[in-house]
N, C-alpha and C. Protein backbone atom coordinates (compact mmCIF):
# COMPACT_ATOMS: atom_id res chain seq x y z
N MET A 1 139.74 101.11 80.91
CA MET A 1 138.38 100.30 80.87
C MET A 1 137.62 101.11 81.54
N PRO A 2 136.61 101.36 80.75
CA PRO A 2 135.23 101.84 81.59
C PRO A 2 134.92 100.80 82.04
N THR A 3 134.57 101.86 83.50
CA THR A 3 133.77 100.98 84.93
C THR A 3 132.10 99.67 84.49
N ALA A 4 131.51 99.10 85.07
CA ALA A 4 130.59 98.30 84.45
C ALA A 4 129.63 99.30 85.83
N ALA A 5 127.95 99.45 84.12
CA ALA A 5 127.13 100.17 85.01
C ALA A 5 127.08 99.36 86.32
N PRO A 6 126.28 99.77 86.83
CA PRO A 6 125.62 98.49 88.37
C PRO A 6 124.35 98.00 88.10
N ARG A 7 124.30 97.08 88.35
CA ARG A 7 122.64 96.09 88.27
C ARG A 7 121.92 96.70 89.32
N ILE A 8 120.56 97.29 88.31
CA ILE A 8 120.00 96.96 89.59
C ILE A 8 118.31 96.21 89.22
N HIS A 9 118.15 95.91 90.25
CA HIS A 9 116.50 95.40 90.06
C HIS A 9 115.54 95.64 90.53
N ALA A 10 114.75 95.53 89.65
CA ALA A 10 113.63 96.57 88.66
C ALA A 10 112.52 95.66 88.22
N ASP A 11 110.92 96.08 88.49
CA ASP A 11 109.76 95.23 88.16
C ASP A 11 109.61 95.41 86.12
N PHE A 12 110.00 94.74 85.71
CA PHE A 12 109.35 94.40 84.55
C PHE A 12 107.90 94.83 83.79
N ASN A 13 107.20 94.47 84.96
CA ASN A 13 106.08 94.64 85.04
C ASN A 13 105.47 96.21 85.19
N GLY A 14 106.83 96.98 85.03
CA GLY A 14 106.84 98.49 84.70
C GLY A 14 107.19 98.95 84.22
N LEU A 15 107.01 98.36 82.65
CA LEU A 15 107.99 99.02 81.12
C LEU A 15 107.02 100.09 81.42
N VAL A 16 107.55 101.09 80.57
CA VAL A 16 106.46 102.71 80.23
C VAL A 16 107.46 103.09 79.12
N ARG A 17 107.61 104.80 78.77
CA ARG A 17 108.15 104.76 77.59
C ARG A 17 108.56 106.29 78.42
N GLY A 18 110.02 106.25 77.49
CA GLY A 18 111.15 106.84 78.76
C GLY A 18 110.19 108.60 78.38
N PRO A 19 111.54 109.58 78.81
CA PRO A 19 110.49 111.37 79.70
C PRO A 19 111.77 112.12 78.87
N VAL A 20 112.70 111.20 78.63
CA VAL A 20 113.63 111.94 77.23
C VAL A 20 113.41 111.71 75.83
N ASP A 21 114.61 110.41 75.38
CA ASP A 21 114.06 109.58 74.10
C ASP A 21 113.31 109.07 73.80
N GLY A 22 111.56 108.36 74.79
CA GLY A 22 110.89 107.85 74.40
C GLY A 22 111.01 106.48 74.31
N ARG A 23 111.94 106.24 74.59
CA ARG A 23 112.57 104.27 74.52
C ARG A 23 111.87 104.41 75.40
N VAL A 24 111.65 102.28 75.20
CA VAL A 24 111.10 101.17 76.55
C VAL A 24 112.14 101.78 77.88
N SER A 25 110.97 102.01 78.58
CA SER A 25 111.74 101.83 80.10
C SER A 25 111.12 101.35 81.57
N VAL A 26 112.18 101.26 82.10
CA VAL A 26 111.48 100.63 83.70
C VAL A 26 111.04 101.39 84.69
N VAL A 27 110.27 101.57 84.95
CA VAL A 27 110.67 102.25 86.69
C VAL A 27 111.42 101.53 87.89
N LEU A 28 112.27 102.51 88.64
CA LEU A 28 112.87 102.74 89.21
C LEU A 28 111.87 102.09 91.17
N ASP A 29 110.74 102.14 91.06
CA ASP A 29 109.91 102.27 92.35
C ASP A 29 109.83 100.67 93.46
N THR A 30 110.25 99.80 93.15
CA THR A 30 110.49 98.79 93.84
C THR A 30 111.18 99.11 94.96
N PHE A 31 111.14 97.77 96.10
CA PHE A 31 112.18 97.70 97.04
C PHE A 31 113.08 97.60 96.71
N GLY A 32 113.27 96.55 95.63
CA GLY A 32 114.39 95.88 95.20
C GLY A 32 115.70 96.96 94.91
N SER A 33 114.76 98.12 93.80
CA SER A 33 115.66 98.77 94.04
C SER A 33 116.35 100.14 94.19
N ALA A 34 115.73 100.70 95.28
CA ALA A 34 115.96 100.84 96.05
C ALA A 34 116.86 100.25 97.33
N ARG A 35 117.07 98.77 97.49
CA ARG A 35 118.29 98.19 97.94
C ARG A 35 119.13 97.93 97.56
N ASP A 36 119.43 97.86 96.10
CA ASP A 36 120.41 97.51 95.38
C ASP A 36 121.10 98.53 95.39
N LEU A 37 120.19 99.99 94.99
CA LEU A 37 120.79 101.43 94.79
C LEU A 37 121.64 101.68 96.29
N SER A 38 120.94 101.27 97.30
CA SER A 38 121.74 101.72 98.48
C SER A 38 122.69 101.01 98.93
N ASN A 39 122.96 99.81 98.38
CA ASN A 39 123.49 98.71 99.07
C ASN A 39 125.14 98.91 98.28
N ALA A 40 125.01 99.29 97.37
CA ALA A 40 126.16 99.94 96.21
C ALA A 40 126.55 101.54 96.16
N GLY A 41 125.48 102.03 97.52
CA GLY A 41 126.17 103.41 98.04
C GLY A 41 125.85 104.08 96.19
N ILE A 42 124.89 104.63 96.03
CA ILE A 42 124.58 104.92 94.47
C ILE A 42 123.29 106.37 94.77
N VAL A 43 123.15 107.21 94.39
CA VAL A 43 122.57 107.97 95.23
C VAL A 43 122.06 108.24 93.17
N LEU A 44 120.68 107.72 93.08
CA LEU A 44 120.15 108.52 91.64
C LEU A 44 120.42 110.05 91.26
N GLU A 45 121.40 109.73 89.80
CA GLU A 45 121.61 110.94 89.29
C GLU A 45 121.00 110.81 87.70
N GLU A 46 120.80 111.65 87.35
CA GLU A 46 120.00 112.23 85.89
C GLU A 46 121.76 111.95 84.42
N GLY A 47 120.96 111.04 83.76
CA GLY A 47 122.70 110.36 83.13
C GLY A 47 123.21 109.32 83.28
N LEU A 48 122.90 108.39 84.74
CA LEU A 48 123.90 107.75 85.17
C LEU A 48 123.65 106.40 84.69
N ALA A 49 124.14 105.32 84.69
CA ALA A 49 124.42 104.55 83.18
C ALA A 49 124.29 103.16 84.19
N LEU A 50 123.63 102.23 83.55
CA LEU A 50 122.73 101.56 84.57
C LEU A 50 122.05 100.54 84.18
N VAL A 51 121.97 99.24 84.58
CA VAL A 51 122.18 97.59 83.74
C VAL A 51 120.90 98.04 85.17
N ALA A 52 119.20 97.57 84.05
CA ALA A 52 118.52 97.12 85.28
C ALA A 52 117.59 96.01 84.70
N TYR A 53 116.92 95.03 86.28
CA TYR A 53 117.25 92.59 85.45
C TYR A 53 115.81 93.07 86.25
N ASP A 54 115.21 92.03 86.27
CA ASP A 54 114.36 91.55 86.44
C ASP A 54 114.85 89.96 86.52
N GLU A 55 114.23 88.76 87.71
CA GLU A 55 114.01 87.54 86.98
C GLU A 55 113.35 87.06 86.91
N SER A 56 113.20 86.38 85.19
CA SER A 56 112.53 85.98 84.60
C SER A 56 111.63 84.71 85.26
N ASP A 57 112.66 83.88 84.80
CA ASP A 57 112.92 82.65 85.15
C ASP A 57 113.46 81.71 86.39
N ALA A 58 114.05 80.46 86.74
CA ALA A 58 115.20 80.19 87.13
C ALA A 58 116.60 80.29 86.18
N ILE A 59 116.46 79.94 84.65
CA ILE A 59 117.68 80.47 83.94
C ILE A 59 117.78 81.92 82.75
N GLU A 60 117.06 82.12 83.64
CA GLU A 60 116.73 84.04 82.33
C GLU A 60 116.30 84.49 83.32
N ASP A 61 117.13 86.14 82.91
CA ASP A 61 116.64 87.73 83.47
C ASP A 61 116.42 88.41 82.05
N LEU A 62 115.32 89.58 82.85
CA LEU A 62 115.30 90.28 81.56
C LEU A 62 116.43 91.47 82.19
N GLU A 63 116.65 92.11 80.89
CA GLU A 63 117.59 93.34 81.27
C GLU A 63 117.68 93.96 80.35
N ILE A 64 118.02 95.64 80.81
CA ILE A 64 117.50 96.93 79.78
C ILE A 64 119.24 97.60 80.75
N HIS A 65 119.60 97.92 79.74
CA HIS A 65 121.15 99.03 79.60
C HIS A 65 120.45 100.04 79.27
N GLY A 66 120.93 100.81 80.09
CA GLY A 66 120.07 102.67 79.72
C GLY A 66 120.66 103.53 80.75
N THR A 67 120.13 104.46 80.22
CA THR A 67 120.51 106.01 81.61
C THR A 67 119.29 105.85 83.16
N ALA A 68 119.67 106.40 83.41
CA ALA A 68 118.11 106.57 84.46
C ALA A 68 118.25 108.33 83.94
N ARG A 69 116.65 107.97 84.20
CA ARG A 69 115.99 109.90 83.62
C ARG A 69 115.10 109.80 85.00
N TYR A 70 115.07 110.83 85.60
CA TYR A 70 113.77 111.61 86.73
C TYR A 70 112.65 111.96 85.70
N ASP A 71 112.11 111.72 85.96
CA ASP A 71 110.69 111.24 85.30
C ASP A 71 109.55 112.14 86.14
N ARG A 72 109.15 113.41 85.28
CA ARG A 72 108.84 114.49 86.26
C ARG A 72 107.29 113.90 86.60
N SER A 73 106.84 113.23 85.23
CA SER A 73 105.07 113.32 85.25
C SER A 73 104.63 112.10 85.66
N ARG A 74 105.17 110.92 86.15
CA ARG A 74 105.08 110.35 87.18
C ARG A 74 106.11 110.07 88.31
N ARG A 75 106.75 111.20 88.53
CA ARG A 75 107.57 111.91 90.28
C ARG A 75 108.37 110.79 90.68
N GLY A 76 109.18 110.04 89.52
CA GLY A 76 110.39 108.10 89.63
C GLY A 76 111.13 108.55 89.04
N TRP A 77 111.79 107.61 89.23
CA TRP A 77 112.97 107.12 87.92
C TRP A 77 112.50 106.60 87.48
N VAL A 78 112.89 106.64 86.22
CA VAL A 78 113.14 104.93 85.57
C VAL A 78 114.83 104.62 84.63
N VAL A 79 114.48 103.88 83.84
CA VAL A 79 116.11 103.47 83.34
C VAL A 79 115.53 103.20 82.06
N GLU A 80 116.47 104.25 81.49
CA GLU A 80 115.40 104.12 79.56
C GLU A 80 116.46 103.82 78.71
N SER A 81 116.15 102.80 77.65
CA SER A 81 117.24 102.06 77.55
C SER A 81 117.73 102.32 76.84
N ASP A 82 119.17 101.99 76.34
CA ASP A 82 119.29 101.96 74.58
C ASP A 82 119.12 100.91 73.71
N GLU A 83 119.43 101.04 72.42
CA GLU A 83 118.66 101.00 71.30
C GLU A 83 118.58 99.44 71.45
N ARG A 84 119.30 98.58 72.26
CA ARG A 84 118.61 97.58 72.41
C ARG A 84 117.45 97.06 73.12
N GLY A 85 116.93 98.26 73.60
CA GLY A 85 115.49 97.04 73.84
C GLY A 85 116.29 96.72 76.12
N VAL A 86 114.77 95.38 75.90
CA VAL A 86 114.67 94.43 76.84
C VAL A 86 115.44 93.69 76.53
N MET A 87 115.91 93.31 76.50
CA MET A 87 117.11 92.14 76.31
C MET A 87 116.41 90.95 77.17
N HIS A 88 116.37 89.33 76.87
CA HIS A 88 116.68 88.03 78.04
C HIS A 88 117.74 87.62 78.10
N VAL A 89 118.91 87.68 79.38
CA VAL A 89 120.38 86.84 79.22
C VAL A 89 119.80 86.09 79.90
N PRO A 90 121.05 85.11 79.96
CA PRO A 90 121.02 83.81 81.30
C PRO A 90 121.32 85.11 82.97
N ALA A 91 120.23 83.84 83.55
CA ALA A 91 120.34 84.16 85.32
C ALA A 91 121.83 84.42 86.03
N VAL A 92 121.97 84.89 86.88
CA VAL A 92 123.06 85.55 87.55
C VAL A 92 122.59 84.78 89.02
N ASP A 93 123.72 84.57 89.29
CA ASP A 93 123.63 83.93 90.56
C ASP A 93 123.16 84.57 91.84
N ARG A 94 122.31 84.25 92.21
CA ARG A 94 121.46 84.82 92.85
C ARG A 94 121.47 84.70 94.57
N SER A 95 122.09 83.85 94.48
CA SER A 95 122.94 83.97 95.80
C SER A 95 123.70 85.04 96.09
N ARG A 96 124.47 85.56 95.22
CA ARG A 96 125.17 86.84 95.50
C ARG A 96 124.43 87.95 95.45
N ILE A 97 123.50 88.29 95.88
CA ILE A 97 122.57 89.74 96.02
C ILE A 97 122.49 89.24 97.40
N ASP A 98 122.88 90.40 98.23
CA ASP A 98 122.53 90.90 99.27
C ASP A 98 120.84 91.10 99.42
N PRO A 99 120.59 90.50 100.50
CA PRO A 99 119.05 90.58 101.02
C PRO A 99 118.99 92.11 101.94
N GLY A 100 119.73 92.59 102.74
CA GLY A 100 119.70 93.40 103.95
C GLY A 100 119.63 94.76 102.73
N PHE A 101 120.16 96.03 104.04
CA PHE A 101 119.22 96.89 103.22
C PHE A 101 120.28 98.19 104.11
N HIS A 102 121.18 99.06 103.59
CA HIS A 102 121.82 99.36 104.36
C HIS A 102 121.79 100.57 103.41
N CYS A 103 122.25 101.93 104.94
CA CYS A 103 122.70 103.20 104.25
C CYS A 103 122.94 103.70 102.89
N VAL A 104 122.94 104.62 102.38
CA VAL A 104 123.36 104.88 100.97
C VAL A 104 124.68 105.17 101.17
N ARG A 105 124.93 106.23 102.76
CA ARG A 105 125.52 107.00 102.86
C ARG A 105 127.07 105.99 104.11
N CYS A 106 126.68 105.55 104.46
CA CYS A 106 127.41 104.89 105.56
C CYS A 106 127.48 103.45 105.79
N ALA A 107 126.56 102.93 104.72
CA ALA A 107 126.31 101.25 105.28
C ALA A 107 125.48 100.55 106.46
N HIS A 108 125.06 101.98 107.23
CA HIS A 108 125.06 100.69 108.32
C HIS A 108 123.72 99.74 107.34
N ALA A 109 123.43 98.99 108.59
CA ALA A 109 122.55 97.83 108.89
C ALA A 109 121.01 98.86 108.96
N LEU A 110 120.11 98.59 108.15
CA LEU A 110 118.88 99.67 108.52
C LEU A 110 118.02 98.09 108.12
N ASP A 111 116.75 98.19 108.77
CA ASP A 111 115.86 96.70 109.11
C ASP A 111 115.43 97.42 108.09
N GLY A 112 115.59 97.03 107.06
CA GLY A 112 115.07 96.24 105.44
C GLY A 112 113.79 97.24 104.80
N LEU A 113 112.41 96.14 104.75
CA LEU A 113 111.56 96.97 103.76
C LEU A 113 110.23 98.69 105.14
N ASP A 114 111.01 97.72 106.50
CA ASP A 114 110.00 97.84 107.42
C ASP A 114 110.88 99.57 107.12
N ALA A 115 112.16 99.68 107.24
CA ALA A 115 113.07 101.51 107.55
C ALA A 115 111.88 102.21 106.13
N PHE A 116 112.82 101.40 105.01
CA PHE A 116 112.55 101.94 104.04
C PHE A 116 110.63 102.64 103.81
N LEU A 117 110.08 101.31 103.81
CA LEU A 117 108.14 102.30 104.25
C LEU A 117 107.92 102.76 105.29
N ARG A 118 108.82 104.08 106.42
CA ARG A 118 108.59 104.56 107.41
C ARG A 118 109.33 106.01 106.97
N ALA A 119 110.11 105.89 105.75
CA ALA A 119 110.71 106.88 105.23
C ALA A 119 111.96 107.76 106.62
N GLY A 120 112.43 107.18 107.35
CA GLY A 120 112.69 107.80 108.69
C GLY A 120 114.47 107.36 108.09
N ALA A 121 115.26 108.29 108.74
CA ALA A 121 117.09 108.87 108.78
C ALA A 121 117.50 107.58 109.48
N CYS A 122 118.64 107.75 108.83
CA CYS A 122 119.76 106.49 109.32
C CYS A 122 120.26 106.59 110.73
N PRO A 123 120.26 105.61 111.48
CA PRO A 123 120.52 106.11 113.23
C PRO A 123 121.87 106.25 113.02
N GLN A 124 122.50 106.19 112.02
CA GLN A 124 124.36 106.29 112.48
C GLN A 124 124.55 108.00 111.83
N CYS A 125 123.94 107.81 110.22
CA CYS A 125 124.37 109.09 110.55
C CYS A 125 123.05 109.75 109.84
N GLY A 126 121.90 109.78 110.07
CA GLY A 126 120.73 110.68 109.78
C GLY A 126 120.47 110.76 108.37
N THR A 127 121.19 109.82 107.46
CA THR A 127 121.08 109.81 105.82
C THR A 127 118.98 109.93 105.40
N PRO A 128 118.92 110.41 104.85
CA PRO A 128 117.49 109.96 104.57
C PRO A 128 117.50 108.23 104.39
N VAL A 129 116.64 107.75 104.44
CA VAL A 129 117.03 105.92 104.23
C VAL A 129 116.13 106.06 102.47
N GLN A 130 115.03 106.55 101.97
CA GLN A 130 114.66 107.00 100.94
C GLN A 130 115.41 108.41 99.88
N ALA A 131 117.27 108.37 100.46
CA ALA A 131 118.15 109.12 99.50
C ALA A 131 118.82 108.67 98.51
N SER A 132 118.53 107.36 98.41
CA SER A 132 119.25 106.34 96.85
C SER A 132 117.87 107.09 95.64
N VAL A 133 117.02 107.21 96.44
CA VAL A 133 115.60 107.06 94.55
C VAL A 133 114.57 108.48 94.90
N ALA A 134 115.80 109.63 95.44
CA ALA A 134 115.45 111.24 96.00
C ALA A 134 115.25 111.38 94.10
N ALA A 135 114.27 112.30 94.52
CA ALA A 135 114.10 113.71 93.55
C ALA A 135 115.61 114.30 93.55
N PRO A 136 115.44 114.71 92.17
CA PRO A 136 116.39 115.70 91.98
C PRO A 136 116.21 117.23 92.44
N GLY A 137 117.71 116.80 93.27
CA GLY A 137 117.40 118.58 94.00
C GLY A 137 116.55 118.99 95.58
N SER A 138 116.71 117.58 95.63
CA SER A 138 115.25 117.48 96.91
C SER A 138 116.50 117.66 97.72
N ASN A 139 117.44 117.75 98.18
CA ASN A 139 118.32 117.74 99.52
C ASN A 139 119.19 116.40 100.62
N THR A 140 118.86 116.08 99.80
CA THR A 140 119.18 114.49 100.88
C THR A 140 120.68 114.41 101.36
């Protein structure tokens, strides 16, 4: 049985055309995206299956099931949708979302948005704080 693709927050106000198939895509350029990836221990890589979501309202979320792609023209990651595109789905239990921010390598608790914006390194293991969303080949 295949493992479910990780569900990562994204801002659906940033919908674009994907760099590979030209399908609708959402940019992974928010703190919420980096937080969810880091907390799950995931470093983005080309072709990784993901589910991107955004809260639409109290009873509904928006979702894209797709593939992580590095868009060189934007210098950032997107989730390029599968043939379903953007979907409206029932909202998940948002109380289960970890508001903290942890190192992608060792899970050490970091100072959230402040640590991310400073773009420093984890004091526990030295991994760059932004490693989960780093460009391919950036040696993080």
